Amino acid sequence: MASLTLRLDDELDETLTRLARARWRSKSDLVREMLRRQLAVTAFDEARGRLLPLGERAGYLTDEDIFREIS
């Protein structure tokens, strides 16, 4: 497993420390989970950006258009 050194301002460190204590987890564990989630959100946003023009060309302009098609 690789390691990463990260500098946090005092307020962020205090918030992370409180959250870790409340959840009985290490700060490292929480940061790994948060990073994984953010990376997943970023990947989703990038995929959506690539697919949106294709959907629009196919006539899917809103979420309702898609829901209507699959319902």
Protein backbone atom coordinates (compact mmCIF):
# COMPACT_ATOMS: atom_id res chain seq x y z
CA MET A 1 0.00 0.00 0.00
CA ALA A 2 1.32 3.44 -0.91
CA SER A 3 1.37 6.33 1.50
CA LEU A 4 0.67 10.01 0.99
CA THR A 5 1.62 12.94 3.19
CA LEU A 6 -1.11 15.54 3.40
CA ARG A 7 -1.09 18.90 5.14
CA LEU A 8 -4.38 20.00 6.73
CA ASP A 9 -5.25 23.31 8.25
CA ASP A 10 -6.13 23.19 11.95
CA GLU A 11 -9.88 23.50 11.41
CA LEU A 12 -10.01 20.65 8.90
CA ASP A 13 -7.85 18.46 11.13
CA GLU A 14 -10.11 19.10 14.13
CA THR A 15 -13.21 18.30 12.09
CA LEU A 16 -11.66 15.10 10.76
CA THR A 17 -10.48 14.11 14.25
CA ARG A 18 -13.98 14.60 15.71
CA LEU A 19 -15.57 12.60 12.90
CA ALA A 20 -13.06 9.78 13.27
CA ARG A 21 -13.68 9.56 17.01
CA ALA A 22 -17.46 9.62 16.55
CA ARG A 23 -17.27 6.75 14.05
CA TRP A 24 -14.57 4.79 15.89
CA ARG A 25 -12.35 4.86 12.81
CA SER A 26 -8.92 6.23 12.01
CA LYS A 27 -8.51 9.50 10.16
CA SER A 28 -6.63 7.63 7.44
CA ASP A 29 -9.54 5.23 6.98
CA LEU A 30 -12.01 8.11 6.68
CA VAL A 31 -9.83 10.00 4.21
CA ARG A 32 -9.44 6.87 2.05
CA GLU A 33 -13.23 6.39 2.02
CA MET A 34 -13.86 10.05 1.21
CA LEU A 35 -11.27 9.99 -1.55
CA ARG A 36 -12.78 6.84 -3.07
CA ARG A 37 -16.23 8.44 -3.06
CA GLN A 38 -14.98 11.66 -4.61
CA LEU A 39 -13.10 9.75 -7.29
CA ALA A 40 -16.29 7.81 -8.09
CA VAL A 41 -18.28 11.06 -8.35
CA THR A 42 -15.61 12.55 -10.61
CA ALA A 43 -15.62 9.46 -12.85
CA PHE A 44 -19.43 9.61 -13.05
CA ASP A 45 -19.36 13.31 -13.95
CA GLU A 46 -16.76 12.69 -16.66
CA ALA A 47 -18.76 9.78 -18.12
CA ARG A 48 -21.94 11.85 -18.05
CA GLY A 49 -20.13 14.65 -19.87
CA ARG A 50 -19.02 12.25 -22.61
CA LEU A 51 -22.43 10.57 -22.92
CA LEU A 52 -24.66 13.63 -22.68
CA PRO A 53 -24.13 14.73 -26.30
CA LEU A 54 -24.90 11.21 -27.51
CA GLY A 55 -28.13 11.12 -25.51
CA GLU A 56 -29.16 14.53 -26.76
CA ARG A 57 -28.62 13.44 -30.36
CA ALA A 58 -30.82 10.40 -29.65
CA GLY A 59 -33.58 12.68 -28.31
CA TYR A 60 -33.00 12.25 -24.58
CA LEU A 61 -33.02 15.82 -23.29
CA THR A 62 -34.16 15.29 -19.69
CA ASP A 63 -34.09 12.60 -17.03
CA GLU A 64 -37.82 12.23 -17.58
CA ASP A 65 -37.17 11.26 -21.22
CA ILE A 66 -34.97 8.40 -20.03
CA PHE A 67 -37.37 7.29 -17.28
CA ARG A 68 -40.26 7.30 -19.75
CA GLU A 69 -38.24 5.09 -22.13
CA ILE A 70 -37.26 2.49 -19.53
CA SER A 71 -40.55 2.39 -17.59
